[in-house]
């Protein structure tokens, strides 16, 4: 079998694999355990637009518990595109993540400042669309990576790799990835390009925006 060169990352990282090429409807499983860690579900309507929900799942003695860690609304007739986190007021997506840079809403200030994080294209990547996440003053120390799927035999699914330094903000990392895709598509439609080489296919076929069932 050909080795997946996308596995060349620091030891101790957590690998989350997408069940399908979609930022709208998919499950993310832990590559080490096979357990579902997140679900992404999108519903749409003519008035309220699309609502994409990111939910974290956890196995318990009585079954599986699920909690919403973020949601994104887009295309509503009377509201702007927004992202919301539990216990916080919704924010305009473009205000929270601008030019692929955002802040962790739960992070404390360091020396009076909030650390900002940026998604950026990975130079010389063998696969277009590969991006990494780093703190604004630590560009040489990525804390997460997104790898698009590869049409190999067997196929290599799209995946997110989380560095141990980002375990505490893993929910925000996933939310920022979804928000970055929303912003990327919106700016692309206006002729603006922030450098996403090949964004993941958002939805395919009839009913792609309805609730994902597995």
N, C-alpha and C. Protein backbone atom coordinates (compact mmCIF):
# COMPACT_ATOMS: atom_id res chain seq x y z
N UNK A 1 0.85 -1.19 0.00
CA UNK A 1 0.00 0.00 0.00
C UNK A 1 0.89 1.24 0.00
N UNK A 2 0.52 2.26 -0.78
CA UNK A 2 1.25 3.51 -0.81
C UNK A 2 1.05 4.25 0.50
N UNK A 3 2.12 4.77 1.08
CA UNK A 3 2.02 5.48 2.35
C UNK A 3 1.35 6.82 2.16
N UNK A 4 0.48 7.17 3.09
CA UNK A 4 -0.16 8.47 3.08
C UNK A 4 0.83 9.50 3.60
N UNK A 5 1.38 10.31 2.69
CA UNK A 5 2.40 11.28 3.08
C UNK A 5 1.83 12.37 3.99
N UNK A 6 0.51 12.42 4.12
CA UNK A 6 -0.11 13.40 5.00
C UNK A 6 0.06 13.02 6.47
N UNK A 7 0.65 11.86 6.73
CA UNK A 7 0.86 11.42 8.11
C UNK A 7 2.17 11.96 8.69
N UNK A 8 2.85 12.80 7.95
CA UNK A 8 4.12 13.33 8.42
C UNK A 8 3.88 14.57 9.30
N UNK A 9 3.41 14.32 10.51
CA UNK A 9 3.15 15.39 11.46
C UNK A 9 3.69 14.96 12.82
N UNK A 10 3.80 15.87 13.78
CA UNK A 10 4.39 15.53 15.08
C UNK A 10 3.65 14.41 15.79
N UNK A 11 4.36 13.65 16.59
CA UNK A 11 3.74 12.57 17.35
C UNK A 11 2.81 13.15 18.41
N UNK A 12 1.81 12.37 18.79
CA UNK A 12 0.86 12.82 19.80
C UNK A 12 -0.31 13.58 19.25
N UNK A 13 -0.34 13.81 17.94
CA UNK A 13 -1.45 14.55 17.34
C UNK A 13 -2.71 13.68 17.29
N UNK A 14 -3.83 14.34 17.26
CA UNK A 14 -5.12 13.67 17.12
C UNK A 14 -5.59 13.83 15.68
N UNK A 15 -5.99 12.72 15.05
CA UNK A 15 -6.41 12.74 13.65
C UNK A 15 -7.91 12.50 13.57
N UNK A 16 -8.62 13.43 12.95
CA UNK A 16 -10.06 13.33 12.78
C UNK A 16 -10.36 13.22 11.29
N UNK A 17 -10.99 12.13 10.88
CA UNK A 17 -11.25 11.87 9.46
C UNK A 17 -12.70 12.17 9.10
N UNK A 18 -12.90 12.84 7.95
CA UNK A 18 -14.23 13.15 7.44
C UNK A 18 -14.85 11.91 6.81
N UNK A 19 -16.14 11.71 7.02
CA UNK A 19 -16.84 10.58 6.41
C UNK A 19 -17.14 10.84 4.94
N UNK A 20 -17.15 12.12 4.55
CA UNK A 20 -17.41 12.49 3.16
C UNK A 20 -16.81 13.87 2.91
N UNK A 21 -16.67 14.23 1.65
CA UNK A 21 -16.10 15.52 1.30
C UNK A 21 -17.15 16.61 1.43
N UNK A 22 -17.43 17.02 2.63
CA UNK A 22 -18.45 18.04 2.86
C UNK A 22 -18.18 18.79 4.15
N UNK A 23 -18.28 20.12 4.08
CA UNK A 23 -18.23 20.94 5.28
C UNK A 23 -19.64 21.23 5.78
N UNK A 24 -20.64 20.63 5.13
CA UNK A 24 -22.03 20.87 5.51
C UNK A 24 -22.67 19.67 6.19
N UNK A 25 -22.36 18.49 5.72
CA UNK A 25 -22.94 17.27 6.28
C UNK A 25 -21.89 16.16 6.30
N UNK A 26 -21.42 15.82 7.49
CA UNK A 26 -20.39 14.78 7.60
C UNK A 26 -20.24 14.39 9.07
N UNK A 27 -19.56 13.28 9.29
CA UNK A 27 -19.13 12.92 10.63
C UNK A 27 -17.61 12.91 10.64
N UNK A 28 -17.03 13.22 11.78
CA UNK A 28 -15.58 13.17 11.95
C UNK A 28 -15.27 12.11 12.99
N UNK A 29 -14.45 11.16 12.62
CA UNK A 29 -14.11 10.07 13.53
C UNK A 29 -12.64 10.12 13.91
N UNK A 30 -12.35 9.65 15.11
CA UNK A 30 -10.97 9.56 15.58
C UNK A 30 -10.30 8.41 14.85
N UNK A 31 -9.25 8.69 14.10
CA UNK A 31 -8.59 7.66 13.30
C UNK A 31 -7.99 6.56 14.18
N UNK A 32 -7.68 6.86 15.42
CA UNK A 32 -7.05 5.88 16.31
C UNK A 32 -8.07 4.94 16.94
N UNK A 33 -9.26 5.45 17.25
CA UNK A 33 -10.25 4.65 17.96
C UNK A 33 -11.47 4.27 17.13
N UNK A 34 -11.69 5.00 16.03
CA UNK A 34 -12.87 4.76 15.21
C UNK A 34 -14.14 5.37 15.77
N UNK A 35 -14.04 6.07 16.89
CA UNK A 35 -15.22 6.67 17.51
C UNK A 35 -15.58 8.00 16.83
N UNK A 36 -16.88 8.27 16.73
CA UNK A 36 -17.34 9.55 16.20
C UNK A 36 -17.06 10.64 17.21
N UNK A 37 -16.40 11.70 16.77
CA UNK A 37 -16.03 12.80 17.66
C UNK A 37 -16.90 14.03 17.39
N UNK A 38 -17.22 14.28 16.12
CA UNK A 38 -18.06 15.41 15.75
C UNK A 38 -19.04 15.00 14.66
N UNK A 39 -20.15 15.71 14.60
CA UNK A 39 -21.06 15.62 13.47
C UNK A 39 -21.28 17.03 12.94
N UNK A 40 -21.39 17.14 11.63
CA UNK A 40 -21.73 18.40 10.98
C UNK A 40 -23.05 18.17 10.25
N UNK A 41 -24.07 18.95 10.60
CA UNK A 41 -25.38 18.79 10.00
C UNK A 41 -25.89 20.15 9.54
N UNK A 42 -26.46 20.18 8.34
CA UNK A 42 -26.97 21.43 7.78
C UNK A 42 -28.41 21.27 7.35
N UNK A 43 -29.22 22.25 7.72
CA UNK A 43 -30.60 22.33 7.27
C UNK A 43 -30.79 23.66 6.57
N UNK A 44 -31.75 23.74 5.65
CA UNK A 44 -31.95 24.98 4.93
C UNK A 44 -33.43 25.23 4.70
N UNK A 45 -33.75 26.50 4.51
CA UNK A 45 -35.12 26.90 4.21
C UNK A 45 -35.11 28.20 3.44
N UNK A 46 -36.22 28.55 2.78
CA UNK A 46 -36.26 29.75 1.94
C UNK A 46 -36.16 31.05 2.72
N UNK A 47 -36.54 31.05 4.00
CA UNK A 47 -36.54 32.27 4.80
C UNK A 47 -35.31 32.35 5.71
N UNK A 48 -35.04 31.27 6.42
CA UNK A 48 -33.97 31.28 7.41
C UNK A 48 -32.61 30.88 6.83
N UNK A 49 -32.56 30.54 5.57
CA UNK A 49 -31.29 30.18 4.95
C UNK A 49 -30.75 28.86 5.46
N UNK A 50 -29.43 28.74 5.49
CA UNK A 50 -28.78 27.51 5.96
C UNK A 50 -28.35 27.66 7.41
N UNK A 51 -28.50 26.57 8.14
CA UNK A 51 -27.99 26.52 9.52
C UNK A 51 -27.12 25.28 9.64
N UNK A 52 -25.83 25.50 9.81
CA UNK A 52 -24.87 24.40 9.94
C UNK A 52 -24.49 24.25 11.41
N UNK A 53 -24.72 23.06 11.94
CA UNK A 53 -24.46 22.79 13.35
C UNK A 53 -23.26 21.87 13.51
N UNK A 54 -22.32 22.28 14.36
CA UNK A 54 -21.17 21.44 14.71
C UNK A 54 -21.41 20.90 16.11
N UNK A 55 -21.51 19.58 16.21
CA UNK A 55 -21.80 18.95 17.50
C UNK A 55 -20.68 17.99 17.88
N UNK A 56 -20.28 18.04 19.14
CA UNK A 56 -19.30 17.10 19.68
C UNK A 56 -20.03 15.93 20.31
N UNK A 57 -19.55 14.73 20.07
CA UNK A 57 -20.18 13.54 20.64
C UNK A 57 -19.20 12.84 21.57
N UNK A 58 -19.75 12.17 22.57
CA UNK A 58 -18.92 11.48 23.55
C UNK A 58 -19.65 10.25 24.05
N UNK A 59 -18.95 9.12 24.07
CA UNK A 59 -19.54 7.88 24.56
C UNK A 59 -19.61 7.92 26.08
N UNK A 60 -20.74 7.47 26.62
CA UNK A 60 -20.93 7.39 28.06
C UNK A 60 -21.40 5.99 28.42
N UNK A 61 -21.53 5.72 29.70
CA UNK A 61 -21.99 4.41 30.12
C UNK A 61 -23.39 4.09 29.63
N UNK A 62 -24.19 5.14 29.42
CA UNK A 62 -25.56 4.93 28.97
C UNK A 62 -25.77 5.12 27.49
N UNK A 63 -24.71 5.36 26.73
CA UNK A 63 -24.87 5.56 25.30
C UNK A 63 -23.93 6.65 24.79
N UNK A 64 -24.48 7.53 23.96
CA UNK A 64 -23.68 8.60 23.37
C UNK A 64 -24.34 9.94 23.65
N UNK A 65 -23.56 10.88 24.14
CA UNK A 65 -24.06 12.23 24.39
C UNK A 65 -23.55 13.16 23.30
N UNK A 66 -24.38 14.14 22.95
CA UNK A 66 -24.03 15.09 21.90
C UNK A 66 -24.32 16.50 22.39
N UNK A 67 -23.41 17.43 22.10
CA UNK A 67 -23.63 18.82 22.47
C UNK A 67 -23.19 19.73 21.33
N UNK A 68 -23.95 20.76 21.08
CA UNK A 68 -23.60 21.70 20.02
C UNK A 68 -22.50 22.63 20.52
N UNK A 69 -21.42 22.70 19.76
CA UNK A 69 -20.29 23.55 20.15
C UNK A 69 -20.22 24.83 19.33
N UNK A 70 -20.94 24.86 18.21
CA UNK A 70 -21.00 26.07 17.38
C UNK A 70 -22.05 25.86 16.30
N UNK A 71 -22.60 26.96 15.81
CA UNK A 71 -23.45 26.86 14.63
C UNK A 71 -23.26 28.09 13.77
N UNK A 72 -23.49 27.91 12.48
CA UNK A 72 -23.33 28.97 11.50
C UNK A 72 -24.64 29.13 10.75
N UNK A 73 -25.11 30.36 10.61
CA UNK A 73 -26.29 30.65 9.80
C UNK A 73 -25.86 31.50 8.62
N UNK A 74 -26.40 31.19 7.47
CA UNK A 74 -25.99 31.88 6.25
C UNK A 74 -27.16 31.95 5.27
N UNK A 75 -27.30 33.09 4.62
CA UNK A 75 -28.29 33.22 3.56
C UNK A 75 -29.69 33.53 4.02
N UNK A 76 -29.86 33.89 5.31
CA UNK A 76 -31.20 34.25 5.79
C UNK A 76 -31.61 35.59 5.19
N UNK A 77 -32.91 35.73 4.94
CA UNK A 77 -33.41 36.94 4.28
C UNK A 77 -33.23 38.18 5.16
N UNK A 78 -33.47 38.04 6.46
CA UNK A 78 -33.47 39.22 7.33
C UNK A 78 -32.26 39.29 8.27
N UNK A 79 -31.35 38.35 8.17
CA UNK A 79 -30.20 38.35 9.07
C UNK A 79 -28.90 38.17 8.28
N UNK A 80 -27.82 38.71 8.84
CA UNK A 80 -26.51 38.53 8.20
C UNK A 80 -25.96 37.15 8.54
N UNK A 81 -24.91 36.73 7.84
CA UNK A 81 -24.27 35.45 8.11
C UNK A 81 -23.57 35.52 9.46
N UNK A 82 -23.87 34.55 10.34
CA UNK A 82 -23.35 34.61 11.70
C UNK A 82 -22.83 33.27 12.18
N UNK A 83 -21.99 33.34 13.21
CA UNK A 83 -21.52 32.15 13.92
C UNK A 83 -21.80 32.37 15.40
N UNK A 84 -22.15 31.30 16.09
CA UNK A 84 -22.46 31.41 17.51
C UNK A 84 -21.83 30.26 18.28
N UNK A 85 -21.40 30.57 19.50
CA UNK A 85 -20.84 29.58 20.42
C UNK A 85 -21.73 29.53 21.66
N UNK A 86 -21.76 28.40 22.36
CA UNK A 86 -22.63 28.25 23.53
C UNK A 86 -22.44 29.37 24.56
N UNK A 87 -23.56 29.94 25.00
CA UNK A 87 -23.50 30.97 26.03
C UNK A 87 -23.04 32.33 25.56
N UNK A 88 -22.89 32.51 24.25
CA UNK A 88 -22.42 33.79 23.72
C UNK A 88 -23.34 34.29 22.62
N UNK A 89 -23.37 35.60 22.45
CA UNK A 89 -24.18 36.19 21.40
C UNK A 89 -23.59 35.87 20.03
N UNK A 90 -24.44 35.64 19.02
CA UNK A 90 -23.92 35.38 17.67
C UNK A 90 -23.07 36.54 17.16
N UNK A 91 -22.06 36.20 16.39
CA UNK A 91 -21.18 37.19 15.77
C UNK A 91 -21.29 37.10 14.26
N UNK A 92 -21.13 38.21 13.59
CA UNK A 92 -21.03 38.15 12.14
C UNK A 92 -19.78 37.35 11.78
N UNK A 93 -19.93 36.43 10.85
CA UNK A 93 -18.79 35.59 10.49
C UNK A 93 -17.60 36.44 10.07
N UNK A 94 -17.86 37.46 9.26
CA UNK A 94 -16.75 38.27 8.74
C UNK A 94 -16.08 39.08 9.84
N UNK A 95 -16.78 39.28 10.98
CA UNK A 95 -16.16 39.99 12.10
C UNK A 95 -15.33 39.04 12.96
N UNK A 96 -15.76 37.78 13.04
CA UNK A 96 -15.01 36.83 13.87
C UNK A 96 -13.78 36.30 13.14
N UNK A 97 -13.93 35.95 11.87
CA UNK A 97 -12.79 35.45 11.10
C UNK A 97 -12.61 36.35 9.88
N UNK A 98 -11.51 37.08 9.86
CA UNK A 98 -11.24 38.05 8.81
C UNK A 98 -9.88 37.76 8.21
N UNK A 99 -9.85 37.61 6.91
CA UNK A 99 -8.62 37.22 6.22
C UNK A 99 -8.01 35.98 6.87
N UNK A 100 -8.92 35.04 7.21
CA UNK A 100 -8.57 33.73 7.74
C UNK A 100 -7.97 33.80 9.14
N UNK A 101 -8.16 34.90 9.83
CA UNK A 101 -7.63 35.09 11.17
C UNK A 101 -8.78 35.27 12.16
N UNK A 102 -8.66 34.64 13.34
CA UNK A 102 -9.73 34.67 14.33
C UNK A 102 -9.14 34.59 15.74
N UNK A 103 -10.00 34.71 16.74
CA UNK A 103 -9.60 34.55 18.14
C UNK A 103 -10.45 33.47 18.78
N UNK A 104 -9.90 32.85 19.81
CA UNK A 104 -10.63 31.86 20.59
C UNK A 104 -11.55 32.61 21.55
N UNK A 105 -12.88 32.47 21.41
CA UNK A 105 -13.78 33.25 22.27
C UNK A 105 -13.66 32.92 23.75
N UNK A 106 -13.08 31.78 24.08
CA UNK A 106 -12.95 31.38 25.48
C UNK A 106 -11.55 31.62 26.05
N UNK A 107 -10.65 32.13 25.23
CA UNK A 107 -9.26 32.29 25.67
C UNK A 107 -9.09 33.54 26.54
N UNK A 108 -8.26 33.41 27.55
CA UNK A 108 -7.94 34.56 28.40
C UNK A 108 -6.86 35.40 27.71
N UNK A 109 -6.79 36.65 28.09
CA UNK A 109 -5.79 37.53 27.52
C UNK A 109 -4.40 37.19 28.05
N UNK A 110 -3.40 37.32 27.20
CA UNK A 110 -2.01 37.10 27.58
C UNK A 110 -1.29 38.44 27.47
N UNK A 111 -0.81 38.94 28.61
CA UNK A 111 -0.17 40.26 28.64
C UNK A 111 -1.09 41.34 28.06
N UNK A 112 -2.37 41.20 28.39
CA UNK A 112 -3.33 42.21 27.95
C UNK A 112 -3.84 42.03 26.54
N UNK A 113 -3.41 40.99 25.85
CA UNK A 113 -3.83 40.79 24.47
C UNK A 113 -4.44 39.40 24.29
N UNK A 114 -5.34 39.31 23.33
CA UNK A 114 -5.92 38.02 22.97
C UNK A 114 -5.14 37.46 21.79
N UNK A 115 -4.74 36.22 21.89
CA UNK A 115 -3.96 35.60 20.81
C UNK A 115 -4.84 35.40 19.59
N UNK A 116 -4.32 35.73 18.44
CA UNK A 116 -5.03 35.54 17.18
C UNK A 116 -4.41 34.36 16.44
N UNK A 117 -5.26 33.65 15.70
CA UNK A 117 -4.84 32.46 14.97
C UNK A 117 -5.19 32.62 13.50
N UNK A 118 -4.36 32.04 12.63
CA UNK A 118 -4.54 32.20 11.19
C UNK A 118 -4.41 30.87 10.46
N UNK A 119 -5.36 30.61 9.56
CA UNK A 119 -5.23 29.50 8.62
C UNK A 119 -4.45 29.97 7.41
N UNK A 120 -3.51 29.16 6.94
CA UNK A 120 -2.68 29.55 5.80
C UNK A 120 -2.39 28.34 4.93
N UNK A 121 -2.20 28.58 3.64
CA UNK A 121 -1.83 27.50 2.75
C UNK A 121 -0.47 26.94 3.15
N UNK A 122 -0.32 25.62 3.02
CA UNK A 122 0.95 24.97 3.33
C UNK A 122 1.85 25.04 2.10
N UNK A 123 3.01 25.70 2.18
CA UNK A 123 3.90 25.82 1.02
C UNK A 123 4.37 24.46 0.51
N UNK A 124 4.44 24.33 -0.80
CA UNK A 124 4.98 23.12 -1.44
C UNK A 124 4.23 21.85 -1.04
N UNK A 125 2.96 21.99 -0.69
CA UNK A 125 2.18 20.81 -0.35
C UNK A 125 1.91 19.99 -1.60
N UNK A 126 2.01 18.65 -1.51
CA UNK A 126 1.75 17.81 -2.68
C UNK A 126 0.27 17.77 -3.06
N UNK A 127 -0.60 18.27 -2.19
CA UNK A 127 -2.03 18.28 -2.46
C UNK A 127 -2.58 19.68 -2.29
N UNK A 128 -3.14 20.26 -3.36
CA UNK A 128 -3.72 21.60 -3.29
C UNK A 128 -4.84 21.61 -2.26
N UNK A 129 -4.94 22.71 -1.52
CA UNK A 129 -5.99 22.83 -0.53
C UNK A 129 -5.55 22.49 0.87
N UNK A 130 -4.31 22.03 1.05
CA UNK A 130 -3.79 21.73 2.38
C UNK A 130 -3.50 23.04 3.11
N UNK A 131 -4.02 23.18 4.32
CA UNK A 131 -3.81 24.40 5.09
C UNK A 131 -3.40 24.06 6.51
N UNK A 132 -2.76 25.01 7.17
CA UNK A 132 -2.34 24.80 8.56
C UNK A 132 -2.75 26.02 9.39
N UNK A 133 -2.84 25.79 10.69
CA UNK A 133 -3.26 26.84 11.62
C UNK A 133 -2.11 27.17 12.57
N UNK A 134 -1.88 28.46 12.78
CA UNK A 134 -0.81 28.85 13.70
C UNK A 134 -1.22 30.12 14.44
N UNK A 135 -0.64 30.32 15.62
CA UNK A 135 -0.82 31.57 16.35
C UNK A 135 -0.06 32.67 15.61
N UNK A 136 -0.53 33.91 15.76
CA UNK A 136 0.00 34.99 14.93
C UNK A 136 1.50 35.22 15.11
N UNK A 137 2.05 34.92 16.27
CA UNK A 137 3.49 35.14 16.50
C UNK A 137 4.29 33.84 16.42
N UNK A 138 3.64 32.77 15.94
CA UNK A 138 4.33 31.47 15.87
C UNK A 138 4.04 30.78 14.54
N UNK A 139 4.33 31.47 13.45
CA UNK A 139 4.03 30.92 12.13
C UNK A 139 4.79 29.64 11.84
N UNK A 140 5.91 29.43 12.52
CA UNK A 140 6.72 28.24 12.28
C UNK A 140 6.31 27.07 13.18
N UNK A 141 5.22 27.23 13.91
CA UNK A 141 4.76 26.16 14.81
C UNK A 141 3.25 25.95 14.61
N UNK A 142 2.86 25.24 13.55
CA UNK A 142 1.43 24.97 13.33
C UNK A 142 0.85 24.14 14.47
N UNK A 143 -0.43 24.40 14.77
CA UNK A 143 -1.11 23.64 15.82
C UNK A 143 -2.27 22.81 15.26
N UNK A 144 -2.52 22.92 13.97
CA UNK A 144 -3.55 22.09 13.32
C UNK A 144 -3.32 22.13 11.82
N UNK A 145 -3.80 21.08 11.14
CA UNK A 145 -3.68 20.98 9.69
C UNK A 145 -4.99 20.43 9.14
N UNK A 146 -5.35 20.89 7.94
CA UNK A 146 -6.46 20.29 7.21
C UNK A 146 -5.91 19.73 5.91
N UNK A 147 -6.22 18.45 5.65
CA UNK A 147 -5.77 17.78 4.43
C UNK A 147 -6.98 17.36 3.62
N UNK A 148 -7.09 17.78 2.35
CA UNK A 148 -8.19 17.32 1.50
C UNK A 148 -8.07 15.83 1.24
N UNK A 149 -9.16 15.24 0.76
CA UNK A 149 -9.14 13.82 0.42
C UNK A 149 -8.27 13.58 -0.80
N UNK A 150 -7.82 12.34 -0.93
CA UNK A 150 -6.98 11.95 -2.07
C UNK A 150 -7.60 10.72 -2.71
N UNK A 151 -7.72 10.75 -4.03
CA UNK A 151 -8.31 9.63 -4.77
C UNK A 151 -7.29 8.52 -4.96
N UNK A 152 -6.93 7.87 -3.86
CA UNK A 152 -6.00 6.74 -3.91
C UNK A 152 -6.79 5.44 -3.87
N UNK A 153 -6.11 4.32 -3.79
CA UNK A 153 -6.77 3.01 -3.69
C UNK A 153 -6.14 2.24 -2.52
N UNK A 154 -6.83 2.17 -1.37
CA UNK A 154 -8.15 2.76 -1.09
C UNK A 154 -8.06 4.27 -0.92
N UNK A 155 -9.21 4.96 -1.00
CA UNK A 155 -9.20 6.43 -0.89
C UNK A 155 -8.68 6.90 0.47
N UNK A 156 -8.03 8.05 0.47
CA UNK A 156 -7.60 8.68 1.70
C UNK A 156 -8.59 9.80 2.02
N UNK A 157 -9.32 9.70 3.11
CA UNK A 157 -10.33 10.71 3.41
C UNK A 157 -9.72 12.05 3.81
N UNK A 158 -10.50 13.10 3.65
CA UNK A 158 -10.08 14.40 4.18
C UNK A 158 -9.95 14.27 5.69
N UNK A 159 -9.04 15.05 6.27
CA UNK A 159 -8.85 14.93 7.71
C UNK A 159 -8.32 16.22 8.31
N UNK A 160 -8.56 16.35 9.60
CA UNK A 160 -8.00 17.44 10.39
C UNK A 160 -7.05 16.82 11.41
N UNK A 161 -5.86 17.36 11.52
CA UNK A 161 -4.88 16.88 12.49
C UNK A 161 -4.71 17.96 13.55
N UNK A 162 -4.91 17.58 14.80
CA UNK A 162 -4.83 18.52 15.91
C UNK A 162 -3.57 18.26 16.74
N UNK A 163 -2.72 19.27 16.85
CA UNK A 163 -1.51 19.17 17.69
C UNK A 163 -1.93 19.21 19.16
N UNK A 164 -1.19 18.52 20.04
CA UNK A 164 -1.53 18.57 21.47
C UNK A 164 -1.68 19.98 22.03
N UNK A 165 -0.94 20.93 21.47
CA UNK A 165 -1.04 22.32 21.95
C UNK A 165 -2.42 22.92 21.68
N UNK A 166 -3.19 22.29 20.78
CA UNK A 166 -4.51 22.83 20.43
C UNK A 166 -5.66 21.97 20.94
N UNK A 167 -5.35 20.93 21.74
CA UNK A 167 -6.42 20.07 22.26
C UNK A 167 -7.47 20.88 23.02
N UNK A 168 -7.02 21.86 23.80
CA UNK A 168 -7.94 22.64 24.64
C UNK A 168 -8.89 23.50 23.81
N UNK A 169 -8.51 23.84 22.59
CA UNK A 169 -9.35 24.67 21.73
C UNK A 169 -9.81 23.91 20.49
N UNK A 170 -9.90 22.60 20.59
CA UNK A 170 -10.25 21.77 19.44
C UNK A 170 -11.60 22.15 18.84
N UNK A 171 -12.60 22.43 19.69
CA UNK A 171 -13.92 22.82 19.17
C UNK A 171 -13.81 24.08 18.31
N UNK A 172 -13.04 25.05 18.78
CA UNK A 172 -12.89 26.31 18.05
C UNK A 172 -12.13 26.09 16.75
N UNK A 173 -11.15 25.21 16.76
CA UNK A 173 -10.40 24.89 15.54
C UNK A 173 -11.35 24.38 14.47
N UNK A 174 -12.22 23.44 14.84
CA UNK A 174 -13.17 22.89 13.86
C UNK A 174 -14.16 23.95 13.41
N UNK A 175 -14.65 24.77 14.34
CA UNK A 175 -15.59 25.83 13.97
C UNK A 175 -14.95 26.83 13.03
N UNK A 176 -13.68 27.17 13.28
CA UNK A 176 -13.00 28.13 12.41
C UNK A 176 -12.80 27.57 11.01
N UNK A 177 -12.58 26.26 10.91
CA UNK A 177 -12.42 25.64 9.60
C UNK A 177 -13.71 25.76 8.80
N UNK A 178 -14.85 25.51 9.45
CA UNK A 178 -16.14 25.65 8.77
C UNK A 178 -16.40 27.11 8.40
N UNK A 179 -16.09 28.02 9.31
CA UNK A 179 -16.32 29.44 9.04
C UNK A 179 -15.42 29.94 7.93
N UNK A 180 -14.18 29.48 7.90
CA UNK A 180 -13.25 29.88 6.85
C UNK A 180 -13.77 29.46 5.48
N UNK A 181 -14.36 28.30 5.41
CA UNK A 181 -14.94 27.83 4.15
C UNK A 181 -16.09 28.73 3.73
N UNK A 182 -16.93 29.13 4.70
CA UNK A 182 -18.06 30.01 4.37
C UNK A 182 -17.56 31.35 3.85
N UNK A 183 -16.56 31.93 4.52
CA UNK A 183 -16.00 33.21 4.09
C UNK A 183 -15.32 33.07 2.74
N UNK A 184 -14.59 31.97 2.56
CA UNK A 184 -13.87 31.74 1.31
C UNK A 184 -14.83 31.70 0.13
N UNK A 185 -15.96 31.03 0.29
CA UNK A 185 -16.93 30.94 -0.80
C UNK A 185 -17.61 32.28 -1.05
N UNK A 186 -17.89 33.04 0.02
CA UNK A 186 -18.53 34.34 -0.14
C UNK A 186 -17.62 35.33 -0.85
N UNK A 187 -16.34 35.38 -0.46
CA UNK A 187 -15.41 36.31 -1.08
C UNK A 187 -15.09 35.89 -2.51
N UNK A 188 -15.05 34.59 -2.75
CA UNK A 188 -14.78 34.12 -4.11
C UNK A 188 -15.87 34.57 -5.06
N UNK A 189 -17.12 34.59 -4.56
CA UNK A 189 -18.23 35.01 -5.41
C UNK A 189 -18.15 36.49 -5.75
N UNK A 190 -17.35 37.25 -4.93
CA UNK A 190 -17.17 38.68 -5.18
C UNK A 190 -15.86 38.98 -5.88
N UNK A 191 -15.15 37.93 -6.29
CA UNK A 191 -13.90 38.12 -7.01
C UNK A 191 -12.70 38.32 -6.12
N UNK A 192 -12.84 37.99 -4.82
CA UNK A 192 -11.73 38.12 -3.88
C UNK A 192 -11.20 36.73 -3.59
N UNK A 193 -9.88 36.60 -3.52
CA UNK A 193 -9.29 35.29 -3.26
C UNK A 193 -8.23 35.40 -2.18
N UNK A 194 -8.46 34.72 -1.05
CA UNK A 194 -7.50 34.75 0.04
C UNK A 194 -6.53 33.58 -0.03
N UNK A 195 -6.57 32.82 -1.11
CA UNK A 195 -5.52 31.83 -1.29
C UNK A 195 -5.94 30.39 -1.13
N UNK A 196 -7.22 30.10 -0.89
CA UNK A 196 -7.63 28.70 -0.80
C UNK A 196 -7.50 28.09 -2.19
N UNK A 197 -6.63 27.12 -2.32
CA UNK A 197 -6.32 26.56 -3.63
C UNK A 197 -7.44 25.69 -4.16
N UNK A 198 -8.00 24.84 -3.31
CA UNK A 198 -9.03 23.92 -3.76
C UNK A 198 -9.95 23.58 -2.60
N UNK A 199 -10.95 24.45 -2.32
CA UNK A 199 -11.81 24.20 -1.17
C UNK A 199 -12.58 22.90 -1.31
N UNK A 200 -12.84 22.27 -0.17
CA UNK A 200 -13.59 21.02 -0.17
C UNK A 200 -14.98 21.24 -0.75
N UNK A 201 -15.46 20.28 -1.52
CA UNK A 201 -16.79 20.33 -2.07
C UNK A 201 -17.80 20.44 -0.94
N UNK A 202 -18.67 21.43 -0.99
CA UNK A 202 -19.57 21.68 0.13
C UNK A 202 -20.76 20.73 0.13
N UNK A 203 -21.35 20.47 -1.01
CA UNK A 203 -22.51 19.59 -1.06
C UNK A 203 -22.70 19.08 -2.47
N UNK A 204 -23.20 17.89 -2.59
CA UNK A 204 -23.37 17.29 -3.91
C UNK A 204 -24.72 16.59 -3.97
N UNK A 205 -25.46 16.84 -5.03
CA UNK A 205 -26.67 16.07 -5.28
C UNK A 205 -27.89 16.58 -4.55
N UNK A 206 -29.07 16.06 -4.93
CA UNK A 206 -30.33 16.46 -4.32
C UNK A 206 -30.31 16.18 -2.82
N UNK A 207 -30.89 17.09 -2.06
CA UNK A 207 -31.01 16.89 -0.62
C UNK A 207 -29.72 17.05 0.14
N UNK A 208 -28.71 17.61 -0.49
CA UNK A 208 -27.41 17.71 0.18
C UNK A 208 -27.45 18.64 1.38
N UNK A 209 -28.42 19.56 1.40
CA UNK A 209 -28.49 20.51 2.50
C UNK A 209 -29.43 20.05 3.61
N UNK A 210 -30.08 18.93 3.45
CA UNK A 210 -30.96 18.43 4.49
C UNK A 210 -30.14 17.74 5.57
N UNK A 211 -30.78 17.43 6.70
CA UNK A 211 -30.05 16.85 7.82
C UNK A 211 -29.39 15.54 7.42
N UNK A 212 -28.11 15.43 7.74
CA UNK A 212 -27.33 14.25 7.39
C UNK A 212 -27.68 13.10 8.33
N UNK A 213 -27.90 11.93 7.79
CA UNK A 213 -28.34 10.78 8.59
C UNK A 213 -27.25 9.74 8.80
N UNK A 214 -26.06 9.95 8.22
CA UNK A 214 -24.99 9.00 8.48
C UNK A 214 -24.27 8.58 7.24
